[in-house]
Amino acid sequence: MSNNPITREISEFIKEQIMTGNYREGDKISERTISERFEVSRTLVREALVELKQNGWVRAEHKSGTYVAPLDLKRAEDNYKARMALEPVTLTMAFPNLTEQDIIRMKENCEKMSTAATPAEYSRVENDQHRILCSRINNRYAEMFI
């Protein structure tokens, strides 16, 4: 995931639009519209799209644009299996460094995830959980997996 907070925000916005159905499979994603919405250069939007392409959310067509990618069930299953194996280990690595505030925030996030009304809402809260872990894990290789 990008270290640039704006690029990360743009990426999360696009994923949310896909998960809520505002962007559907095959829809073209307008760099101009997104850059105007966030009041940033198209370069930052492109950085977010490159990351999303690497993670299978979008596909790029030469001289045509970027489009919402079709759902890849095998990729989703592989992602789930990897996360089930890796997330307990990353939590164990981060645990000694968690503050009381981190633990309170993580408990609140768990409650929010259990009552999330939409996949996008769940994803936003889950991403916050991952940000907490990344801030406390002190292992850049493990951070890449989170």
Protein backbone atom coordinates (compact mmCIF):
# COMPACT_ATOMS: atom_id res chain seq x y z
CA MET A 1 0.00 0.00 0.00
CA SER A 2 1.18 3.49 -0.81
CA ASN A 3 2.88 5.55 1.88
CA ASN A 4 1.28 8.71 0.48
CA PRO A 5 -1.87 9.44 2.54
CA ILE A 6 -3.64 11.12 -0.41
CA THR A 7 -2.92 8.21 -2.75
CA ARG A 8 -4.14 5.81 -0.06
CA GLU A 9 -7.32 7.89 0.40
CA ILE A 10 -7.98 7.87 -3.35
CA SER A 11 -7.41 4.12 -3.52
CA GLU A 12 -9.79 3.52 -0.61
CA PHE A 13 -12.40 5.78 -2.23
CA ILE A 14 -12.27 3.84 -5.50
CA LYS A 15 -12.49 0.50 -3.68
CA GLU A 16 -15.48 1.79 -1.72
CA GLN A 17 -17.16 2.87 -4.96
CA ILE A 18 -16.64 -0.63 -6.36
CA MET A 19 -17.87 -2.38 -3.20
CA THR A 20 -21.00 -0.25 -2.98
CA GLY A 21 -21.82 -0.79 -6.66
CA ASN A 22 -21.33 2.83 -7.67
CA TYR A 23 -18.59 1.53 -9.97
CA ARG A 24 -19.50 -1.76 -11.61
CA GLU A 25 -17.48 -4.32 -13.52
CA GLY A 26 -16.38 -2.77 -16.81
CA ASP A 27 -17.08 0.84 -15.80
CA LYS A 28 -14.42 3.32 -16.89
CA ILE A 29 -12.77 5.21 -14.04
CA SER A 30 -12.23 8.87 -14.86
CA GLU A 31 -8.85 10.17 -13.66
CA ARG A 32 -10.07 13.72 -14.28
CA THR A 33 -13.23 13.32 -12.18
CA ILE A 34 -11.33 11.78 -9.27
CA SER A 35 -8.52 14.35 -9.44
CA GLU A 36 -11.12 17.13 -9.34
CA ARG A 37 -12.99 15.51 -6.46
CA PHE A 38 -9.82 15.27 -4.36
CA GLU A 39 -8.30 18.48 -5.77
CA VAL A 40 -5.06 16.70 -6.65
CA SER A 41 -3.01 16.07 -9.75
CA ARG A 42 -3.88 13.21 -12.05
CA THR A 43 -0.45 11.78 -11.21
CA LEU A 44 -1.66 10.96 -7.69
CA VAL A 45 -4.80 9.35 -9.11
CA ARG A 46 -2.64 7.27 -11.47
CA GLU A 47 -0.52 6.10 -8.51
CA ALA A 48 -3.68 4.90 -6.76
CA LEU A 49 -4.86 3.17 -9.94
CA VAL A 50 -1.52 1.39 -10.37
CA GLU A 51 -1.85 0.03 -6.85
CA LEU A 52 -5.44 -1.01 -7.47
CA LYS A 53 -4.41 -2.71 -10.71
CA GLN A 54 -1.70 -4.67 -8.87
CA ASN A 55 -4.33 -5.83 -6.40
CA GLY A 56 -6.86 -6.84 -9.05
CA TRP A 57 -9.45 -4.10 -8.47
CA VAL A 58 -9.03 -2.47 -11.89
CA ARG A 59 -7.59 -3.25 -15.30
CA ALA A 60 -5.90 -0.84 -17.69
CA GLU A 61 -6.38 -0.84 -21.45
CA HIS A 62 -3.66 0.81 -23.50
CA LYS A 63 -4.79 4.19 -24.89
CA SER A 64 -8.31 3.58 -23.60
CA GLY A 65 -8.33 3.99 -19.83
CA THR A 66 -8.80 2.17 -16.57
CA TYR A 67 -11.82 -0.02 -15.90
CA VAL A 68 -13.29 -1.90 -12.96
CA ALA A 69 -11.96 -5.45 -13.16
CA PRO A 70 -14.18 -8.51 -13.05
CA LEU A 71 -14.34 -10.34 -9.72
CA ASP A 72 -11.74 -13.09 -9.53
CA LEU A 73 -13.08 -15.72 -7.11
CA LYS A 74 -9.81 -17.67 -7.03
CA ARG A 75 -7.91 -14.51 -6.10
CA ALA A 76 -10.47 -13.68 -3.39
CA GLU A 77 -10.18 -17.19 -1.95
CA ASP A 78 -6.37 -17.07 -2.01
CA ASN A 79 -6.45 -13.66 -0.31
CA TYR A 80 -8.75 -14.98 2.41
CA LYS A 81 -6.58 -18.05 3.08
CA ALA A 82 -3.39 -15.96 3.26
CA ARG A 83 -5.01 -13.48 5.63
CA MET A 84 -6.25 -16.25 7.92
CA ALA A 85 -2.68 -17.52 8.18
CA LEU A 86 -0.88 -14.17 8.48
CA GLU A 87 -3.13 -11.92 10.55
CA PRO A 88 -2.75 -13.83 13.85
CA VAL A 89 1.03 -13.70 13.45
CA THR A 90 1.04 -9.96 12.76
CA LEU A 91 -1.18 -9.35 15.77
CA THR A 92 1.25 -11.34 17.91
CA MET A 93 4.14 -9.23 16.59
CA ALA A 94 2.32 -5.94 17.24
CA PHE A 95 0.85 -6.87 20.63
CA PRO A 96 3.84 -5.88 22.83
CA ASN A 97 3.82 -2.41 21.26
CA LEU A 98 0.08 -1.68 21.45
CA THR A 99 -0.93 1.19 23.68
CA GLU A 100 -4.04 1.30 25.82
CA GLN A 101 -5.54 3.73 23.28
CA ASP A 102 -4.77 1.27 20.46
CA ILE A 103 -6.57 -1.52 22.29
CA ILE A 104 -9.61 0.66 22.98
CA ARG A 105 -9.72 1.71 19.32
CA MET A 106 -9.37 -1.89 18.15
CA LYS A 107 -12.23 -3.00 20.43
CA GLU A 108 -14.39 -0.19 19.06
CA ASN A 109 -13.47 -1.24 15.53
CA CYS A 110 -14.47 -4.86 16.26
CA GLU A 111 -17.88 -3.65 17.44
CA LYS A 112 -18.26 -1.48 14.34
CA MET A 113 -17.30 -4.38 12.06
CA SER A 114 -19.87 -6.66 13.70
CA THR A 115 -22.63 -4.12 12.98
CA ALA A 116 -21.40 -2.73 9.64
CA ALA A 117 -24.31 -2.10 7.30
CA THR A 118 -22.30 -2.29 4.06
CA PRO A 119 -19.14 -3.98 2.79
CA ALA A 120 -17.62 -0.52 2.30
CA GLU A 121 -18.27 0.43 5.93
CA TYR A 122 -16.75 -2.87 7.09
CA SER A 123 -13.72 -2.32 4.86
CA ARG A 124 -13.11 1.20 6.22
CA VAL A 125 -13.08 -0.05 9.80
CA GLU A 126 -10.98 -3.10 8.94
CA ASN A 127 -8.45 -0.83 7.24
CA ASP A 128 -8.20 1.17 10.45
CA GLN A 129 -7.41 -2.07 12.31
CA HIS A 130 -4.62 -2.71 9.83
CA ARG A 131 -3.28 0.84 10.25
CA ILE A 132 -3.05 0.27 14.00
CA LEU A 133 -1.16 -2.98 13.51
CA CYS A 134 1.18 -1.45 10.93
CA SER A 135 2.00 1.40 13.29
CA ARG A 136 3.02 -1.05 16.04
CA ILE A 137 4.49 -4.05 14.27
CA ASN A 138 8.00 -2.60 13.70
CA ASN A 139 8.70 -5.00 10.84
CA ARG A 140 8.54 -3.57 7.34
CA TYR A 141 8.22 -6.99 5.68
CA ALA A 142 5.24 -7.94 7.82
CA GLU A 143 3.74 -4.47 7.13
CA MET A 144 3.79 -5.23 3.40
CA PHE A 145 1.58 -8.28 3.99
CA ILE A 146 -0.91 -6.41 6.14
